[in-house]
Structures are given as structure tokens and as C-alpha cells.
Amino acid sequence: MHMDASNIGDRINHLRRNKNMTQEQLGLVLNVSPQAVSKWEKETRSPISLL
């Protein structure tokens, strides 16, 4: 599956689902809230602060 690098929300969602993780589980791994993960996936907020 080809993914456009500019669409970070879709990439996060795709990779999270490939690992069979919920937004809550990914949030725990990254030490952020599930709401933050949701906002990243909807692209209403950027995850750039983690970089």
C-alpha cells in the first residue's frame, strides 16, 4: 500500500492498526493521551512535538 508522506494521520492510523493497537495503547507507549493520538490521525493536531 502506497502512502503519501504528507498524510501523517493516515500513516499513524495505518501503522497502529497493523500492530493491532488501540489509540489508548499507542498513547501509553508514547506517553500521550488517546485523544492526542485521535487528533493526530484526524490531522487536527501535529505529532511534531514528539520528534
N, C-alpha and C. Protein backbone atom coordinates (compact mmCIF):
# COMPACT_ATOMS: atom_id res chain seq x y z
N MET A 1 0.84 -1.18 0.00
CA MET A 1 0.00 0.00 0.00
C MET A 1 0.88 1.24 0.00
N HIS A 2 0.70 2.08 -0.99
CA HIS A 2 1.48 3.32 -1.08
C HIS A 2 0.81 4.40 -0.25
N MET A 3 1.57 5.05 0.58
CA MET A 3 1.04 6.12 1.41
C MET A 3 1.82 7.39 1.14
N ASP A 4 1.13 8.49 0.99
CA ASP A 4 1.76 9.78 0.79
C ASP A 4 2.36 10.25 2.11
N ALA A 5 3.62 10.62 2.08
CA ALA A 5 4.31 11.03 3.31
C ALA A 5 3.69 12.28 3.92
N SER A 6 3.00 13.08 3.12
CA SER A 6 2.41 14.31 3.65
C SER A 6 1.15 14.03 4.46
N ASN A 7 0.62 12.84 4.37
CA ASN A 7 -0.59 12.49 5.10
C ASN A 7 -0.23 11.68 6.34
N ILE A 8 0.33 12.36 7.32
CA ILE A 8 0.85 11.69 8.51
C ILE A 8 -0.25 11.00 9.31
N GLY A 9 -1.45 11.59 9.34
CA GLY A 9 -2.55 10.98 10.09
C GLY A 9 -2.91 9.60 9.58
N ASP A 10 -2.96 9.46 8.27
CA ASP A 10 -3.26 8.15 7.68
C ASP A 10 -2.13 7.16 7.96
N ARG A 11 -0.90 7.63 7.93
CA ARG A 11 0.24 6.75 8.22
C ARG A 11 0.19 6.25 9.65
N ILE A 12 -0.06 7.15 10.59
CA ILE A 12 -0.15 6.76 12.00
C ILE A 12 -1.26 5.73 12.18
N ASN A 13 -2.42 6.02 11.61
CA ASN A 13 -3.55 5.11 11.74
C ASN A 13 -3.24 3.75 11.12
N HIS A 14 -2.66 3.75 9.94
CA HIS A 14 -2.33 2.51 9.24
C HIS A 14 -1.33 1.67 10.05
N LEU A 15 -0.27 2.30 10.52
CA LEU A 15 0.75 1.57 11.27
C LEU A 15 0.21 1.07 12.61
N ARG A 16 -0.61 1.89 13.28
CA ARG A 16 -1.20 1.48 14.56
C ARG A 16 -2.09 0.26 14.36
N ARG A 17 -2.92 0.28 13.33
CA ARG A 17 -3.82 -0.84 13.06
C ARG A 17 -3.05 -2.09 12.64
N ASN A 18 -1.95 -1.92 11.90
CA ASN A 18 -1.13 -3.07 11.52
C ASN A 18 -0.55 -3.77 12.74
N LYS A 19 -0.33 -3.03 13.81
CA LYS A 19 0.19 -3.59 15.05
C LYS A 19 -0.94 -4.02 15.99
N ASN A 20 -2.18 -3.94 15.49
CA ASN A 20 -3.36 -4.29 16.29
C ASN A 20 -3.40 -3.54 17.62
N MET A 21 -3.11 -2.25 17.55
CA MET A 21 -3.12 -1.41 18.74
C MET A 21 -4.30 -0.46 18.71
N THR A 22 -4.83 -0.17 19.90
CA THR A 22 -5.85 0.86 20.02
C THR A 22 -5.15 2.21 20.17
N GLN A 23 -5.93 3.27 20.06
CA GLN A 23 -5.36 4.60 20.27
C GLN A 23 -4.87 4.72 21.72
N GLU A 24 -5.56 4.09 22.63
CA GLU A 24 -5.15 4.12 24.04
C GLU A 24 -3.81 3.42 24.23
N GLN A 25 -3.64 2.26 23.61
CA GLN A 25 -2.38 1.53 23.73
C GLN A 25 -1.22 2.32 23.13
N LEU A 26 -1.43 2.92 21.96
CA LEU A 26 -0.37 3.72 21.36
C LEU A 26 -0.05 4.92 22.23
N GLY A 27 -1.08 5.53 22.79
CA GLY A 27 -0.87 6.66 23.69
C GLY A 27 -0.03 6.28 24.90
N LEU A 28 -0.28 5.10 25.45
CA LEU A 28 0.50 4.64 26.60
C LEU A 28 1.97 4.45 26.23
N VAL A 29 2.22 3.89 25.06
CA VAL A 29 3.60 3.67 24.60
C VAL A 29 4.31 5.01 24.41
N LEU A 30 3.59 6.00 23.88
CA LEU A 30 4.20 7.30 23.57
C LEU A 30 4.06 8.31 24.70
N ASN A 31 3.39 7.90 25.79
CA ASN A 31 3.16 8.77 26.94
C ASN A 31 2.34 10.01 26.57
N VAL A 32 1.29 9.77 25.78
CA VAL A 32 0.33 10.82 25.42
C VAL A 32 -1.07 10.26 25.61
N SER A 33 -2.06 11.12 25.58
CA SER A 33 -3.44 10.67 25.76
C SER A 33 -3.98 10.04 24.48
N PRO A 34 -5.00 9.19 24.63
CA PRO A 34 -5.65 8.64 23.44
C PRO A 34 -6.25 9.75 22.58
N GLN A 35 -6.67 10.84 23.22
CA GLN A 35 -7.22 11.96 22.48
C GLN A 35 -6.17 12.60 21.58
N ALA A 36 -4.91 12.64 22.04
CA ALA A 36 -3.83 13.18 21.22
C ALA A 36 -3.62 12.31 19.98
N VAL A 37 -3.64 10.99 20.17
CA VAL A 37 -3.48 10.07 19.04
C VAL A 37 -4.63 10.28 18.05
N SER A 38 -5.84 10.42 18.56
CA SER A 38 -7.01 10.65 17.71
C SER A 38 -6.84 11.94 16.90
N LYS A 39 -6.37 12.99 17.54
CA LYS A 39 -6.18 14.27 16.84
C LYS A 39 -5.10 14.15 15.77
N TRP A 40 -4.06 13.38 16.04
CA TRP A 40 -3.02 13.17 15.03
C TRP A 40 -3.61 12.47 13.82
N GLU A 41 -4.39 11.43 14.08
CA GLU A 41 -4.96 10.64 12.99
C GLU A 41 -5.96 11.45 12.18
N LYS A 42 -6.68 12.35 12.83
CA LYS A 42 -7.64 13.21 12.14
C LYS A 42 -6.95 14.45 11.57
N GLU A 43 -5.67 14.59 11.88
CA GLU A 43 -4.84 15.71 11.43
C GLU A 43 -5.37 17.06 11.91
N THR A 44 -5.92 17.07 13.13
CA THR A 44 -6.31 18.34 13.74
C THR A 44 -5.21 18.84 14.66
N ARG A 45 -4.20 18.00 14.86
CA ARG A 45 -3.03 18.36 15.66
C ARG A 45 -1.84 17.56 15.15
N SER A 46 -0.67 18.18 15.15
CA SER A 46 0.53 17.53 14.64
C SER A 46 1.32 16.84 15.76
N PRO A 47 1.88 15.67 15.48
CA PRO A 47 2.71 14.98 16.48
C PRO A 47 4.15 15.49 16.49
N ILE A 48 4.43 16.60 15.85
CA ILE A 48 5.79 17.09 15.67
C ILE A 48 6.52 17.29 17.00
N SER A 49 5.80 17.58 18.08
CA SER A 49 6.46 17.80 19.37
C SER A 49 7.17 16.56 19.89
N LEU A 50 6.78 15.37 19.41
CA LEU A 50 7.45 14.15 19.83
C LEU A 50 8.79 13.96 19.13
N LEU A 51 8.97 14.63 18.01
CA LEU A 51 10.22 14.48 17.26
C LEU A 51 11.25 15.31 17.94
